[in-house]
Protein backbone atom coordinates (compact mmCIF):
# COMPACT_ATOMS: atom_id res chain seq x y z
CA MET A 1 -70.03 62.46 122.69
CA THR A 2 -71.45 63.95 126.39
CA VAL A 3 -71.35 67.56 126.57
CA THR A 4 -72.42 69.98 129.35
CA CYS A 5 -75.05 72.09 127.58
CA ALA A 6 -74.46 75.77 127.04
CA ARG A 7 -78.59 76.14 127.00
CA CYS A 8 -79.96 73.96 129.76
CA GLY A 9 -76.78 73.33 131.75
CA ASN A 10 -77.47 69.28 131.79
CA THR A 11 -74.67 67.07 130.78
CA ARG A 12 -76.13 64.75 128.25
CA GLU A 13 -75.62 63.20 124.84
CA GLY A 14 -74.39 66.17 122.37
CA ALA A 15 -76.20 67.27 119.28
CA GLY A 16 -73.42 65.60 117.17
CA LYS A 17 -73.19 66.70 113.41
CA THR A 18 -75.56 69.55 112.63
CA GLY A 19 -75.24 70.26 109.06
CA LEU A 20 -74.29 73.77 109.82
CA PRO A 21 -70.44 74.85 108.70
CA GLY A 22 -67.76 76.61 110.26
CA ALA A 23 -67.36 77.71 113.95
CA LEU A 24 -71.15 77.67 114.73
CA GLY A 25 -71.51 74.42 113.47
CA ASN A 26 -68.28 73.11 115.58
CA GLU A 27 -69.51 74.89 118.76
CA ILE A 28 -73.11 73.31 118.51
CA GLU A 29 -71.24 70.01 118.27
CA GLN A 30 -69.06 70.47 121.37
CA ARG A 31 -71.52 72.72 123.72
CA VAL A 32 -75.05 71.67 123.03
CA CYS A 33 -76.81 68.79 123.86
CA ALA A 34 -79.18 66.65 121.39
CA GLU A 35 -82.22 67.39 123.17
CA CYS A 36 -81.91 71.42 122.89
CA TRP A 37 -80.64 71.12 119.28
CA LYS A 38 -84.04 69.19 118.55
CA GLU A 39 -85.91 71.85 120.44
CA TRP A 40 -83.78 74.63 118.30
CA THR A 41 -84.58 72.60 114.72
CA ALA A 42 -88.49 72.88 115.47
CA ALA A 43 -88.44 76.47 116.88
CA GLN A 44 -86.23 77.94 113.73
CA ILE A 45 -88.89 77.09 111.31
CA ARG A 46 -91.45 79.54 113.30
CA VAL A 47 -88.41 82.24 113.40
CA ILE A 48 -87.91 81.75 109.72
CA ASN A 49 -91.81 82.46 108.85
CA HIS A 50 -92.02 85.20 111.62
CA TYR A 51 -89.31 87.35 110.33
CA GLY A 52 -89.80 86.34 106.95
CA LEU A 53 -86.12 84.87 106.42
CA ARG A 54 -84.64 83.35 103.34
CA PRO A 55 -82.01 81.13 104.42
CA ALA A 56 -80.32 81.20 100.66
CA LEU A 57 -79.51 84.81 101.15
CA ARG A 58 -76.52 85.42 103.09
CA GLU A 59 -77.65 88.07 105.09
CA ASP A 60 -80.98 86.25 105.91
CA ARG A 61 -78.79 83.30 106.78
CA GLU A 62 -76.49 85.33 109.37
CA LYS A 63 -79.57 86.60 111.22
CA LEU A 64 -80.60 83.11 111.52
CA TYR A 65 -77.40 82.08 112.92
CA GLY A 66 -77.60 85.11 115.32
CA PHE A 67 -81.17 83.57 116.47
CA THR A 68 -79.39 80.19 116.67
CA ARG A 69 -76.74 81.53 119.05
CA GLU A 70 -79.37 83.28 121.32
CA PHE A 71 -81.48 80.46 121.22
CA LEU A 72 -78.90 78.25 122.38
CA ASN A 73 -77.17 80.55 124.80
CA LEU A 74 -73.75 80.72 122.71
CA ALA A 75 -71.75 83.58 123.00
CA THR A 76 -71.09 85.64 119.63
């Protein structure tokens, strides 16, 4: 599926299945290109380490989702 990416503004192949649940996962699949999604998957490791996030904990996972939305230029 081709999308006009919310982050870079280019029309490219979409991110496809991201493995993220719910509305955020669906929004990424529909509004983010594969290239920007790939950039985020690399950057999120640095974010997790920098902030000491533990994605297994709901509170930390929600923070990570917020960083995801911010990086990908998705509205909250």
